[in-house]
Structures are given as C-alpha cells and as structure tokens.
Amino acid sequence: MNKLINPSEILYNLHIFRLHDSTLKKYFVVFRIETEQEFENYKYEIDVNVLRKGSEIIFRMRGLKPSQIYLPGGGKAYFEKKFENLQGNYKIKIIGINKQVNDFEINIVGDLIKIVSYPKESFLNIQVS
C-alpha cells in the first residue's frame, strides 16, 4: 500500500516490511528510510537515532554521513533498522533533519503490516508490504 500526501514535498521513502533471516532463523520487521534524491559520486547513509518506548518507536534523523564502504558509486542514501518480535499497534514518529515531525500508527499481525493512521502533512512516502 502506498500513501503519498504531497509529492512536491516528499524527501524520503519509508519502507516497512517483514524479513526472515535464515541464518538466525528469526523474523524481523524492517524500517528502511531512503532519500528521494540520488547521489552520483559517493554513497551516503542517513544518520538516525532510534528510541523504542513500549509501543512507540521514534526515529530522529540527524543528517547524512559517508558510507562505511569506501568504494566510489552513487545511489540513494538510506538507513535500516530491524526489530524482532513486533506484534500489535505501534505509534511511529519520524523527526526530520529540519525538526518536522511525521506521526502515524501501524498494526502488525503475523505477516500483515497495515497503516492505521497517516500523518496530516508528510515529508515521507510510506510503503508497507
């Protein structure tokens, strides 16, 4: 499912999906934030501080940093965080570099992830699968 509030103001894409790690034999819910902008010469990561308080997960974006892989290349900057054992309703707060806040709620039941509420104004394109 795709929810796009105002395409002209979208700076990031947020992908929320389930992942099975066959090595660890565990399931995770992955939050992947990536820039809408692509970079031509260098790879960057989005520097994000994550705080989980019960059923609230806060992502505070702090800027871009060079990738730890020092090979030339390009592409979108990204950040990825895996959570184990997420089930039920979660309030998600994304705080942008410019202090703009996107609040929304998701529901996770088994393999199904649904967006329960969307931010009123958004700098994110939120996708779940």
Protein backbone atom coordinates (compact mmCIF):
# COMPACT_ATOMS: atom_id res chain seq x y z
CA MET A 1 0.00 0.00 0.00
CA ASN A 2 1.23 3.45 -0.90
CA LYS A 3 0.28 6.75 0.74
CA LEU A 4 1.57 9.93 -0.82
CA ILE A 5 0.44 13.19 0.82
CA ASN A 6 2.04 15.88 -1.36
CA PRO A 7 4.52 14.64 -3.96
CA SER A 8 6.32 18.00 -4.19
CA GLU A 9 7.33 17.84 -0.52
CA ILE A 10 8.40 14.20 -0.32
CA LEU A 11 12.06 13.99 0.72
CA TYR A 12 12.22 10.38 1.93
CA ASN A 13 10.67 6.98 1.32
CA LEU A 14 9.89 4.78 4.31
CA HIS A 15 9.55 1.06 3.60
CA ILE A 16 8.21 -1.20 6.36
CA PHE A 17 8.38 -4.92 5.68
CA ARG A 18 8.86 -8.36 7.24
CA LEU A 19 12.13 -10.22 6.71
CA HIS A 20 13.17 -13.76 7.58
CA ASP A 21 16.84 -14.20 8.41
CA SER A 22 17.59 -17.83 7.52
CA THR A 23 20.96 -17.75 9.31
CA LEU A 24 19.47 -16.56 12.61
CA LYS A 25 16.18 -18.37 11.94
CA LYS A 26 14.23 -15.29 13.10
CA TYR A 27 11.65 -12.91 11.68
CA PHE A 28 12.15 -9.16 11.76
CA VAL A 29 10.15 -6.07 10.89
CA VAL A 30 12.44 -3.76 8.94
CA PHE A 31 12.14 0.02 8.74
CA ARG A 32 14.13 1.37 5.80
CA ILE A 33 14.33 5.13 5.24
CA GLU A 34 15.88 6.29 1.99
CA THR A 35 16.28 9.66 0.35
CA GLU A 36 14.25 10.59 -2.67
CA GLN A 37 17.41 12.24 -4.03
CA GLU A 38 20.12 10.13 -5.63
CA PHE A 39 23.79 10.93 -5.20
CA GLU A 40 26.14 10.50 -8.14
CA ASN A 41 29.69 10.19 -6.80
CA TYR A 42 29.51 8.90 -3.25
CA LYS A 43 27.40 6.56 -1.16
CA TYR A 44 25.81 8.04 1.95
CA GLU A 45 23.89 6.71 4.92
CA ILE A 46 21.23 8.60 6.83
CA ASP A 47 22.34 9.12 10.43
CA VAL A 48 19.33 8.19 12.58
CA ASN A 49 18.91 7.86 16.34
CA VAL A 50 16.25 5.26 17.24
CA LEU A 51 14.37 5.12 20.53
CA ARG A 52 11.76 2.50 21.37
CA LYS A 53 9.49 3.17 24.35
CA GLY A 54 6.96 0.36 24.65
CA SER A 55 4.63 0.66 21.66
CA GLU A 56 6.20 3.91 20.42
CA ILE A 57 9.18 3.97 18.06
CA ILE A 58 10.94 7.28 17.40
CA PHE A 59 13.35 7.84 14.53
CA ARG A 60 15.32 11.11 14.78
CA MET A 61 17.20 11.89 11.58
CA ARG A 62 20.43 13.79 12.18
CA GLY A 63 21.85 14.17 8.67
CA LEU A 64 23.91 12.27 6.14
CA LYS A 65 27.22 10.54 6.70
CA PRO A 66 29.60 8.81 4.28
CA SER A 67 29.02 5.09 3.84
CA GLN A 68 31.39 2.79 5.70
CA ILE A 69 32.15 1.16 2.35
CA TYR A 70 34.67 3.45 0.70
CA LEU A 71 34.09 2.44 -2.89
CA PRO A 72 33.05 5.13 -5.35
CA GLY A 73 29.49 4.91 -6.50
CA GLY A 74 26.14 6.53 -6.18
CA GLY A 75 22.56 5.94 -5.28
CA LYS A 76 20.11 6.92 -2.59
CA ALA A 77 21.21 7.46 1.00
CA TYR A 78 19.49 5.07 3.41
CA PHE A 79 19.08 3.86 6.98
CA GLU A 80 17.78 0.47 8.04
CA LYS A 81 16.66 -0.82 11.44
CA LYS A 82 15.41 -4.34 12.22
CA PHE A 83 13.10 -5.11 15.13
CA GLU A 84 12.38 -8.59 16.40
CA ASN A 85 9.00 -9.67 17.79
CA LEU A 86 6.89 -6.67 16.78
CA GLN A 87 3.19 -7.53 17.02
CA GLY A 88 0.22 -5.24 17.62
CA ASN A 89 -0.20 -1.46 17.30
CA TYR A 90 2.78 0.89 17.22
CA LYS A 91 2.95 4.66 17.12
CA ILE A 92 5.75 5.74 14.82
CA LYS A 93 7.36 9.18 14.99
CA ILE A 94 9.82 10.30 12.33
CA ILE A 95 11.63 13.55 13.14
CA GLY A 96 13.28 15.08 10.09
CA ILE A 97 16.54 16.94 9.91
CA ASN A 98 14.60 20.21 9.87
CA LYS A 99 12.67 19.12 13.03
CA GLN A 100 9.47 18.45 11.05
CA VAL A 101 7.55 15.55 12.64
CA ASN A 102 5.55 12.79 10.97
CA ASP A 103 3.37 10.76 13.36
CA PHE A 104 1.44 7.71 12.24
CA GLU A 105 0.34 4.33 13.52
CA ILE A 106 0.83 0.82 12.18
CA ASN A 107 -0.67 -2.54 13.09
CA ILE A 108 1.30 -5.77 12.76
CA VAL A 109 -0.48 -9.13 12.89
CA GLY A 110 1.60 -12.09 11.78
CA ASP A 111 2.98 -11.32 8.33
CA LEU A 112 0.50 -8.48 7.71
CA ILE A 113 1.51 -4.85 8.29
CA LYS A 114 -1.19 -2.16 7.95
CA ILE A 115 -1.05 1.59 8.29
CA VAL A 116 -3.77 2.58 10.78
CA SER A 117 -3.32 6.36 10.62
CA TYR A 118 -1.31 8.65 8.35
CA PRO A 119 0.46 11.94 9.08
CA LYS A 120 -1.60 15.00 8.13
CA GLU A 121 1.33 16.61 6.30
CA SER A 122 4.21 14.43 5.30
CA PHE A 123 7.77 14.61 4.07
CA LEU A 124 7.67 10.78 3.74
CA ASN A 125 6.20 8.39 1.25
CA ILE A 126 5.17 5.44 3.46
CA GLN A 127 5.06 1.95 1.97
CA VAL A 128 4.27 -1.32 3.73
CA SER A 129 4.42 -4.87 2.44
